[in-house]
Protein backbone atom coordinates (compact mmCIF):
# COMPACT_ATOMS: atom_id res chain seq x y z
CA UNK A 1 12.39 -47.33 0.57
CA UNK A 2 15.51 -45.24 1.12
CA UNK A 3 15.02 -41.83 2.67
CA UNK A 4 15.52 -38.98 0.21
CA UNK A 5 18.67 -36.98 0.85
CA UNK A 6 18.41 -33.30 1.61
CA UNK A 7 19.22 -30.86 -1.17
CA UNK A 8 20.72 -27.39 -1.13
CA UNK A 9 18.81 -24.86 -3.24
CA UNK A 10 19.97 -21.39 -4.30
CA UNK A 11 17.36 -18.86 -3.21
CA UNK A 12 18.30 -16.56 -6.09
CA UNK A 13 17.97 -18.87 -9.10
CA UNK A 14 16.73 -22.24 -7.80
CA UNK A 15 19.92 -24.19 -8.64
CA UNK A 16 20.03 -27.52 -6.74
CA UNK A 17 23.04 -29.44 -5.43
CA UNK A 18 23.61 -32.27 -2.95
CA UNK A 19 26.19 -30.31 -0.92
CA UNK A 20 26.48 -26.77 0.39
CA UNK A 21 28.48 -24.33 -1.74
CA UNK A 22 29.60 -20.83 -0.90
CA UNK A 23 29.03 -19.51 -4.43
CA UNK A 24 26.26 -20.57 -6.78
CA UNK A 25 27.76 -21.84 -10.08
CA UNK A 26 24.59 -20.81 -11.97
CA UNK A 27 24.03 -17.18 -10.88
CA UNK A 28 27.30 -16.45 -8.97
CA UNK A 29 25.42 -15.41 -5.81
CA UNK A 30 27.32 -15.83 -2.53
CA UNK A 31 25.89 -17.58 0.56
CA UNK A 32 22.56 -18.18 -1.18
CA UNK A 33 22.14 -21.94 -0.58
CA UNK A 34 19.50 -23.23 1.83
CA UNK A 35 18.99 -26.83 2.94
CA UNK A 36 15.62 -28.30 1.93
CA UNK A 37 14.00 -31.72 2.16
CA UNK A 38 12.69 -32.83 -1.24
CA UNK A 39 8.97 -33.55 -1.43
CA UNK A 40 7.72 -36.87 -2.76
CA UNK A 41 6.48 -36.65 -6.32
CA UNK A 42 2.70 -36.68 -6.54
CA UNK A 43 0.93 -39.11 -8.88
CA UNK A 44 -0.22 -36.15 -10.97
CA UNK A 45 3.34 -35.47 -12.10
CA UNK A 46 4.66 -39.03 -12.36
CA UNK A 47 4.65 -39.17 -16.14
CA UNK A 48 3.01 -42.10 -17.91
CA UNK A 49 2.04 -43.74 -14.61
CA UNK A 50 -0.37 -40.91 -13.77
CA UNK A 51 -4.09 -41.42 -13.99
CA UNK A 52 -4.77 -37.97 -15.40
CA UNK A 53 -7.71 -37.46 -17.75
CA UNK A 54 -7.75 -35.14 -20.76
CA UNK A 55 -9.08 -31.68 -20.02
CA UNK A 56 -11.56 -29.76 -22.14
CA UNK A 57 -10.02 -27.14 -24.45
CA UNK A 58 -11.65 -23.99 -25.82
CA UNK A 59 -11.22 -22.33 -29.19
CA UNK A 60 -9.85 -18.84 -28.80
CA UNK A 61 -12.78 -17.39 -30.71
CA UNK A 62 -15.23 -18.91 -28.24
CA UNK A 63 -13.63 -17.28 -25.21
CA UNK A 64 -15.44 -14.08 -24.22
CA UNK A 65 -13.40 -11.39 -22.49
CA UNK A 66 -15.12 -9.47 -19.73
CA UNK A 67 -15.35 -5.70 -19.85
CA UNK A 68 -15.38 -5.44 -16.06
CA UNK A 69 -12.20 -7.47 -15.63
CA UNK A 70 -10.52 -4.86 -13.38
CA UNK A 71 -11.26 -3.39 -9.96
CA UNK A 72 -10.47 0.31 -9.47
CA UNK A 73 -8.52 0.76 -6.23
CA UNK A 74 -9.63 4.36 -5.69
CA UNK A 75 -5.99 5.54 -5.86
CA UNK A 76 -5.46 6.87 -9.38
CA UNK A 77 -1.66 6.66 -9.23
CA UNK A 78 -1.83 3.01 -8.19
CA UNK A 79 -4.44 2.21 -10.85
CA UNK A 80 -2.16 3.65 -13.53
CA UNK A 81 0.81 1.52 -12.37
CA UNK A 82 -1.43 -1.56 -12.31
CA UNK A 83 -2.38 -0.86 -15.93
CA UNK A 84 -5.88 0.44 -15.27
CA UNK A 85 -6.84 -1.33 -12.06
CA UNK A 86 -6.55 -4.62 -10.20
CA UNK A 87 -7.19 -7.53 -12.58
CA UNK A 88 -9.59 -10.23 -11.39
CA UNK A 89 -7.87 -13.53 -10.65
CA UNK A 90 -4.37 -12.02 -10.67
CA UNK A 91 -1.53 -12.74 -8.23
CA UNK A 92 0.59 -9.69 -7.40
CA UNK A 93 3.78 -9.34 -5.38
CA UNK A 94 4.67 -6.13 -3.51
CA UNK A 95 8.21 -5.87 -2.13
CA UNK A 96 10.04 -3.20 -0.18
CA UNK A 97 12.27 -2.44 2.79
CA UNK A 98 10.86 -2.84 6.33
CA UNK A 99 8.91 0.24 7.43
CA UNK A 100 8.70 1.72 3.92
CA UNK A 101 4.88 1.68 3.95
CA UNK A 102 3.78 -1.56 2.25
CA UNK A 103 1.18 -2.46 4.87
CA UNK A 104 0.00 1.14 5.05
CA UNK A 105 -0.59 1.25 1.30
CA UNK A 106 -2.46 -2.05 1.28
CA UNK A 107 -4.66 -1.03 4.20
CA UNK A 108 -5.60 2.14 2.33
CA UNK A 109 -6.30 0.08 -0.80
CA UNK A 110 -8.43 -2.28 1.31
CA UNK A 111 -10.37 0.69 2.66
CA UNK A 112 -11.20 1.88 -0.86
CA UNK A 113 -12.01 -1.57 -2.27
CA UNK A 114 -13.92 -2.56 0.87
CA UNK A 115 -16.61 0.02 0.20
CA UNK A 116 -18.18 -2.24 -2.42
CA UNK A 117 -16.11 -5.43 -2.58
CA UNK A 118 -15.35 -8.05 0.01
CA UNK A 119 -11.70 -7.82 1.08
CA UNK A 120 -9.86 -10.29 3.32
CA UNK A 121 -6.65 -8.99 4.92
CA UNK A 122 -4.50 -11.89 6.15
CA UNK A 123 -1.58 -11.13 8.45
CA UNK A 124 1.03 -13.62 9.61
CA UNK A 125 3.06 -10.98 11.42
CA UNK A 126 0.53 -9.01 13.50
CA UNK A 127 -2.49 -9.84 15.61
CA UNK A 128 -5.95 -8.56 14.70
CA UNK A 129 -5.77 -5.98 17.51
CA UNK A 130 -2.44 -4.64 16.22
CA UNK A 131 -3.89 -4.27 12.72
CA UNK A 132 -6.91 -2.48 14.22
CA UNK A 133 -4.64 0.07 15.94
CA UNK A 134 -2.96 0.95 12.65
CA UNK A 135 -6.27 0.95 10.78
CA UNK A 136 -7.73 3.40 13.32
CA UNK A 137 -4.80 5.77 12.81
CA UNK A 138 -5.27 5.60 9.03
CA UNK A 139 -9.04 5.97 9.20
CA UNK A 140 -9.64 2.49 7.74
CA UNK A 141 -13.13 1.21 8.64
CA UNK A 142 -14.59 -0.19 5.40
CA UNK A 143 -17.84 -2.10 5.73
CA UNK A 144 -16.65 -5.16 3.80
CA UNK A 145 -13.06 -5.40 5.12
CA UNK A 146 -12.31 -8.52 7.18
CA UNK A 147 -9.14 -9.42 9.11
CA UNK A 148 -7.56 -12.85 9.61
CA UNK A 149 -4.43 -13.24 11.76
CA UNK A 150 -3.05 -16.65 10.82
CA UNK A 151 -0.02 -18.19 9.09
CA UNK A 152 -1.18 -21.75 8.35
CA UNK A 153 -1.84 -21.71 4.62
CA UNK A 154 -4.23 -24.68 4.60
CA UNK A 155 -6.46 -22.83 7.08
CA UNK A 156 -6.17 -19.60 5.09
CA UNK A 157 -7.11 -21.29 1.79
CA UNK A 158 -10.08 -23.00 3.43
CA UNK A 159 -11.19 -19.63 4.81
CA UNK A 160 -10.85 -18.00 1.39
CA UNK A 161 -12.99 -20.68 -0.26
CA UNK A 162 -15.59 -20.38 2.49
CA UNK A 163 -15.77 -16.56 2.64
CA UNK A 164 -15.39 -16.04 -1.14
CA UNK A 165 -13.80 -12.55 -1.01
CA UNK A 166 -13.10 -10.52 -4.15
CA UNK A 167 -9.61 -9.45 -3.02
CA UNK A 168 -7.15 -11.07 -0.58
CA UNK A 169 -4.03 -9.46 0.92
CA UNK A 170 -1.33 -11.79 2.33
CA UNK A 171 1.08 -9.95 4.66
CA UNK A 172 3.57 -11.49 4.22
CA UNK A 173 4.34 -14.53 2.04
CA UNK A 174 7.51 -15.28 4.07
CA UNK A 175 5.41 -15.97 7.18
CA UNK A 176 3.09 -18.51 5.53
CA UNK A 177 3.56 -22.24 6.29
CA UNK A 178 2.40 -25.39 4.51
CA UNK A 179 2.42 -28.42 6.82
CA UNK A 180 3.40 -30.75 3.97
CA UNK A 181 6.70 -28.94 3.38
CA UNK A 182 9.47 -30.04 5.76
CA UNK A 183 11.14 -26.67 6.31
CA UNK A 184 10.64 -23.52 8.34
CA UNK A 185 8.66 -20.44 7.32
CA UNK A 186 10.50 -18.19 4.87
CA UNK A 187 12.63 -20.98 3.39
CA UNK A 188 12.97 -21.49 -0.35
CA UNK A 189 10.63 -24.48 -0.37
CA UNK A 190 7.95 -22.88 1.80
CA UNK A 191 7.84 -19.63 -0.17
CA UNK A 192 7.71 -21.43 -3.51
CA UNK A 193 5.04 -23.95 -2.53
CA UNK A 194 2.89 -21.38 -0.71
CA UNK A 195 2.97 -19.08 -3.73
CA UNK A 196 2.02 -21.92 -6.09
CA UNK A 197 -0.89 -22.85 -3.83
CA UNK A 198 -2.15 -19.25 -3.74
CA UNK A 199 -1.75 -18.99 -7.52
CA UNK A 200 -4.08 -21.97 -7.95
CA UNK A 201 -6.63 -20.40 -5.59
CA UNK A 202 -6.50 -17.07 -7.47
CA UNK A 203 -7.00 -18.62 -10.92
CA UNK A 204 -9.61 -21.22 -9.96
CA UNK A 205 -11.80 -18.84 -7.93
CA UNK A 206 -11.20 -15.60 -9.88
CA UNK A 207 -9.88 -13.89 -6.73
CA UNK A 208 -7.26 -11.13 -6.84
CA UNK A 209 -4.47 -11.86 -4.35
CA UNK A 210 -1.77 -9.39 -3.31
CA UNK A 211 1.35 -10.81 -1.64
CA UNK A 212 3.70 -8.75 0.50
CA UNK A 213 7.34 -9.81 0.13
CA UNK A 214 10.37 -9.04 2.28
CA UNK A 215 13.63 -7.90 0.69
CA UNK A 216 17.21 -8.89 1.44
CA UNK A 217 19.96 -6.50 2.51
CA UNK A 218 20.96 -6.22 -1.16
CA UNK A 219 17.45 -4.92 -1.97
CA UNK A 220 16.25 -8.07 -3.75
CA UNK A 221 13.07 -9.97 -2.93
CA UNK A 222 13.71 -12.64 -0.33
CA UNK A 223 13.01 -16.22 -1.34
CA UNK A 224 13.66 -18.09 -4.58
CA UNK A 225 14.04 -16.15 -7.81
CA UNK A 226 11.36 -18.33 -9.35
CA UNK A 227 8.85 -16.49 -7.13
CA UNK A 228 8.95 -13.51 -9.49
CA UNK A 229 8.16 -15.81 -12.44
CA UNK A 230 5.15 -17.38 -10.73
CA UNK A 231 3.26 -14.15 -10.00
CA UNK A 232 1.55 -11.97 -12.62
CA UNK A 233 3.10 -8.67 -11.51
CA UNK A 234 5.97 -7.53 -9.29
CA UNK A 235 6.09 -4.09 -7.67
CA UNK A 236 8.79 -2.51 -5.54
CA UNK A 237 8.04 0.16 -2.96
CA UNK A 238 11.14 2.37 -2.80
CA UNK A 239 12.16 5.33 -0.71
CA UNK A 240 14.41 6.67 2.01
CA UNK A 241 13.23 6.40 5.60
CA UNK A 242 14.64 9.90 6.20
CA UNK A 243 12.45 11.40 3.44
CA UNK A 244 8.69 11.45 3.12
CA UNK A 245 8.44 10.51 -0.57
CA UNK A 246 7.87 6.92 -1.72
CA UNK A 247 8.03 5.49 -5.25
CA UNK A 248 6.03 2.44 -6.33
CA UNK A 249 7.73 0.87 -9.36
CA UNK A 250 6.43 -1.93 -11.59
CA UNK A 251 9.26 -4.26 -12.62
CA UNK A 252 6.99 -6.92 -14.11
CA UNK A 253 3.36 -6.57 -15.17
CA UNK A 254 1.46 -8.94 -17.45
CA UNK A 255 -1.45 -6.50 -17.56
CA UNK A 256 0.30 -3.15 -18.01
CA UNK A 257 3.53 -1.29 -18.75
CA UNK A 258 6.71 -2.18 -16.89
CA UNK A 259 8.88 0.45 -15.18
CA UNK A 260 5.76 2.52 -14.56
CA UNK A 261 6.00 4.51 -11.33
CA UNK A 262 3.63 6.12 -8.85
CA UNK A 263 4.84 8.69 -6.33
CA UNK A 264 3.41 8.99 -2.82
CA UNK A 265 4.14 11.15 0.19
CA UNK A 266 4.07 9.59 3.66
CA UNK A 267 2.12 11.69 6.16
CA UNK A 268 0.63 11.17 9.62
CA UNK A 269 -2.64 9.88 8.17
CA UNK A 270 -1.00 7.58 5.62
CA UNK A 271 0.13 7.87 2.00
CA UNK A 272 -1.10 10.63 -0.30
CA UNK A 273 -0.69 10.73 -4.07
CA UNK A 274 1.79 13.03 -5.80
CA UNK A 275 0.16 13.71 -9.17
CA UNK A 276 2.96 15.90 -10.51
CA UNK A 277 6.31 14.14 -9.84
CA UNK A 278 8.27 16.62 -11.98
CA UNK A 279 7.24 19.53 -9.78
CA UNK A 280 8.06 17.53 -6.66
CA UNK A 281 11.54 16.53 -7.88
CA UNK A 282 12.41 20.09 -8.95
CA UNK A 283 10.81 21.90 -5.98
CA UNK A 284 14.06 22.48 -4.08
CA UNK A 285 16.37 22.87 -7.05
CA UNK A 286 18.99 25.59 -6.33
CA UNK A 287 19.35 28.50 -8.75
CA UNK A 288 22.65 29.55 -10.39
CA UNK A 289 24.65 26.68 -8.89
CA UNK A 290 27.24 24.86 -10.97
CA UNK A 291 27.06 21.11 -11.53
CA UNK A 292 23.26 20.94 -11.86
CA UNK A 293 21.30 19.92 -14.95
CA UNK A 294 17.70 18.81 -15.59
CA UNK A 295 16.87 15.69 -17.60
CA UNK A 296 13.55 14.31 -18.81
CA UNK A 297 13.37 10.54 -18.36
CA UNK A 298 10.63 8.05 -19.19
CA UNK A 299 9.22 6.09 -16.27
CA UNK A 300 6.95 3.65 -18.04
CA UNK A 301 4.53 5.74 -20.06
CA UNK A 302 5.14 8.94 -18.08
CA UNK A 303 7.85 11.55 -18.82
CA UNK A 304 9.38 12.89 -15.60
CA UNK A 305 11.79 15.78 -15.11
CA UNK A 306 14.59 15.13 -12.64
CA UNK A 307 17.67 16.99 -11.47
CA UNK A 308 21.14 15.47 -11.72
CA UNK A 309 24.03 16.97 -9.78
CA UNK A 310 27.78 16.62 -10.17
CA UNK A 311 30.50 17.78 -7.81
CA UNK A 312 34.08 17.90 -9.11
CA UNK A 313 36.78 18.76 -6.59
CA UNK A 314 40.49 18.23 -5.93
CA UNK A 315 41.28 14.89 -4.37
CA UNK A 316 43.02 14.40 -1.05
CA UNK A 317 43.84 10.77 -1.81
CA UNK A 318 46.54 9.07 -3.90
CA UNK A 319 43.86 8.08 -6.43
CA UNK A 320 40.71 10.14 -7.08
CA UNK A 321 37.34 8.95 -5.81
CA UNK A 322 34.35 8.23 -8.04
CA UNK A 323 30.88 7.91 -6.52
CA UNK A 324 27.43 7.73 -8.14
CA UNK A 325 24.03 7.71 -6.39
CA UNK A 326 21.03 6.87 -8.55
CA UNK A 327 23.20 6.33 -11.64
CA UNK A 328 25.39 3.47 -12.83
CA UNK A 329 28.96 3.89 -11.59
CA UNK A 330 30.49 2.24 -14.67
CA UNK A 331 28.49 4.51 -16.96
CA UNK A 332 29.78 7.54 -15.08
CA UNK A 333 33.38 6.35 -15.55
CA UNK A 334 32.69 5.90 -19.27
CA UNK A 335 31.38 9.47 -19.57
CA UNK A 336 34.45 10.81 -17.80
CA UNK A 337 36.67 8.95 -20.27
CA UNK A 338 34.71 10.40 -23.23
CA UNK A 339 34.98 13.95 -21.84
CA UNK A 340 38.73 13.55 -21.42
CA UNK A 341 39.37 11.97 -24.83
CA UNK A 342 36.83 13.80 -27.03
CA UNK A 343 36.37 17.15 -25.30
CA UNK A 344 39.74 17.77 -23.62
CA UNK A 345 38.55 18.06 -20.01
CA UNK A 346 40.88 16.45 -17.48
CA UNK A 347 39.50 14.61 -14.42
CA UNK A 348 42.58 12.52 -13.60
CA UNK A 349 43.42 14.15 -10.25
CA UNK A 350 39.88 15.18 -9.30
CA UNK A 351 37.16 13.51 -7.24
CA UNK A 352 33.85 13.13 -9.09
CA UNK A 353 30.48 12.68 -7.39
CA UNK A 354 27.16 12.26 -9.23
CA UNK A 355 23.78 12.34 -7.53
CA UNK A 356 20.19 12.00 -8.80
CA UNK A 357 17.93 14.11 -6.61
CA UNK A 358 14.73 12.64 -5.18
CA UNK A 359 15.72 8.98 -4.92
CA UNK A 360 15.17 8.13 -8.60
CA UNK A 361 17.30 5.51 -10.28
CA UNK A 362 18.19 6.62 -13.82
CA UNK A 363 19.16 3.75 -16.11
CA UNK A 364 18.15 4.84 -19.60
CA UNK A 365 20.73 6.15 -22.13
CA UNK A 366 18.97 9.54 -22.45
CA UNK A 367 20.55 10.59 -19.14
CA UNK A 368 24.12 10.50 -20.55
CA UNK A 369 24.17 14.02 -21.98
CA UNK A 370 22.78 15.91 -18.94
CA UNK A 371 25.17 14.09 -16.60
CA UNK A 372 28.12 14.91 -18.87
CA UNK A 373 27.00 18.57 -18.99
CA UNK A 374 26.62 18.63 -15.20
CA UNK A 375 30.15 17.26 -14.71
CA UNK A 376 31.67 19.86 -17.03
CA UNK A 377 29.62 22.58 -15.31
CA UNK A 378 30.98 21.41 -11.95
CA UNK A 379 34.53 21.27 -13.31
CA UNK A 380 34.36 24.80 -14.75
CA UNK A 381 32.28 26.06 -11.80
CA UNK A 382 29.87 27.77 -14.20
CA UNK A 383 26.13 27.07 -13.85
CA UNK A 384 23.87 25.82 -16.62
CA UNK A 385 20.89 28.18 -17.15
CA UNK A 386 18.03 27.11 -14.91
CA UNK A 387 15.51 27.23 -17.79
CA UNK A 388 17.44 24.61 -19.83
CA UNK A 389 17.12 20.83 -19.80
CA UNK A 390 18.84 18.16 -21.90
CA UNK A 391 18.35 14.63 -23.22
CA UNK A 392 20.65 12.42 -25.28
CA UNK A 393 22.83 9.34 -25.35
CA UNK A 394 26.61 9.79 -25.55
CA UNK A 395 28.64 7.34 -27.65
CA UNK A 396 32.31 6.44 -27.23
CA UNK A 397 33.16 8.65 -30.19
CA UNK A 398 31.60 11.64 -28.47
CA UNK A 399 28.55 11.57 -30.75
CA UNK A 400 25.10 12.36 -29.37
CA UNK A 401 22.63 9.65 -30.33
CA UNK A 402 18.86 9.95 -30.62
CA UNK A 403 16.35 9.01 -27.92
CA UNK A 404 12.83 7.57 -28.04
CA UNK A 405 9.62 9.58 -27.55
CA UNK A 406 11.43 12.89 -27.71
CA UNK A 407 8.18 14.80 -28.34
CA UNK A 408 6.72 13.62 -25.03
CA UNK A 409 9.88 14.72 -23.22
CA UNK A 410 9.80 18.16 -24.80
CA UNK A 411 6.09 18.58 -23.96
CA UNK A 412 6.82 17.79 -20.32
CA UNK A 413 9.62 20.39 -20.20
CA UNK A 414 7.35 22.88 -21.92
CA UNK A 415 4.60 22.23 -19.35
CA UNK A 416 7.03 22.87 -16.49
CA UNK A 417 8.09 26.24 -17.90
CA UNK A 418 11.48 25.46 -19.44
CA UNK A 419 12.51 27.69 -22.34
CA UNK A 420 15.34 25.69 -23.88
CA UNK A 421 16.07 22.02 -24.66
CA UNK A 422 19.38 20.51 -25.78
CA UNK A 423 18.72 17.30 -27.70
CA UNK A 424 20.34 15.08 -30.37
CA UNK A 425 20.24 16.53 -33.87
CA UNK A 426 18.80 13.26 -35.21
CA UNK A 427 15.87 13.51 -32.77
CA UNK A 428 15.30 17.14 -33.77
CA UNK A 429 15.09 16.14 -37.43
CA UNK A 430 12.51 13.45 -36.61
CA UNK A 431 10.19 16.07 -35.12
CA UNK A 432 9.70 17.60 -38.54
CA UNK A 433 7.24 20.51 -38.50
CA UNK A 434 6.04 20.02 -34.90
CA UNK A 435 6.11 23.36 -33.07
CA UNK A 436 6.89 24.03 -29.42
CA UNK A 437 6.93 27.11 -27.19
CA UNK A 438 10.58 26.63 -26.33
CA UNK A 439 13.90 26.74 -28.17
CA UNK A 440 15.28 23.44 -29.44
CA UNK A 441 19.06 23.14 -29.79
CA UNK A 442 20.14 20.12 -31.83
CA UNK A 443 23.71 18.88 -31.25
CA UNK A 444 25.71 16.20 -33.04
CA UNK A 445 28.55 15.58 -30.59
CA UNK A 446 29.61 16.37 -27.04
CA UNK A 447 31.69 19.38 -28.11
CA UNK A 448 28.66 21.06 -29.71
CA UNK A 449 26.61 20.43 -26.56
CA UNK A 450 29.30 21.99 -24.37
CA UNK A 451 29.53 25.02 -26.66
CA UNK A 452 25.74 25.40 -26.42
CA UNK A 453 25.73 25.66 -22.61
CA UNK A 454 28.82 27.91 -22.62
CA UNK A 455 27.09 30.29 -25.04
CA UNK A 456 24.01 30.39 -22.81
CA UNK A 457 25.91 30.91 -19.58
């Protein structure tokens, strides 16, 4: 029998080819191909030649759902992002930059769960003594928390079936190795096959498994893109190593809302919850400074107030610079074009910088209006009143379009003490007879919105 030729697999999308390519023709990723040795097809997947037997099926009405299907982690912010707790038999993936606090968070979760449930913490990167040092610093000493320092997945699976824990933490999936896969740890084949094996263990034994995943320099999860499709939920731990705040964001969740966030603060004794993100993001907001505006965005089911800043200044280069942090660069260029064409403000020979304070990434259309107002405020060097916030989408014709869940946004601004809200006129009409303890200013186009802040200032 001829030896199977090696294949090259794109780690981003799983595209296969018989020769190495610099750019993937399927997803256009550069330098993403890895050499793998194809595995022999098992009899179970060999089509009509398989000896498989029919499996028993159940009528949907005969299946009884359990009321206690979730474990509470003891961290309310994390439970909310999970959708109400850790689901039994689920496979979760937690990604983030090195040193951001992934292992710290999972050790703290293990401490809480280990008070009443059996938790197995598996590390392929550290020895048991190294984990103990960090656990001592964090005050982790749960009665039912067990440590396993190993990276051979067959041994780990055998241990799981023997110990029968309720929750398993794998730190990290890129260090796990299956002996039947002819490639090194962290390769596309190893990560995919190890994840599939752990998925089978989680579903068959009703064990919740949390995987830690490394990220690439572009900020994406390392390994094949199919990894995110295998697991039940994907969470990213975000933050700046120079700041103490961390954001846990759900990008996929079969058991809860996506784009839900939890905010934590890194301290000497570990991570602590930030129950009021709006207050945290606005805590250091300067008063009476031009180019600053507050927006209320939706992060999953939670409305959050954030500050956006814009700095407009004369350029020292042949062509002006445009830079956006926490906001889409192309969207910023579009807003500048609308302000020039529809409102008469000229940015052609000026540098424009936009920044979202606190490390948030704003990608919903409701942020258009406050960023446009902040840029005009920076251009005119006249501040927007500090008790005013804005929401609204800006169209190419300069019109201000409505946003979803406007009542929740207004309630959040009202709770934080704001006295004035600039919002789309269509959203104001949808509110009907609902009353608020702040002034609502409905605007139909960008010119009306600019006149509103000029009148206030």
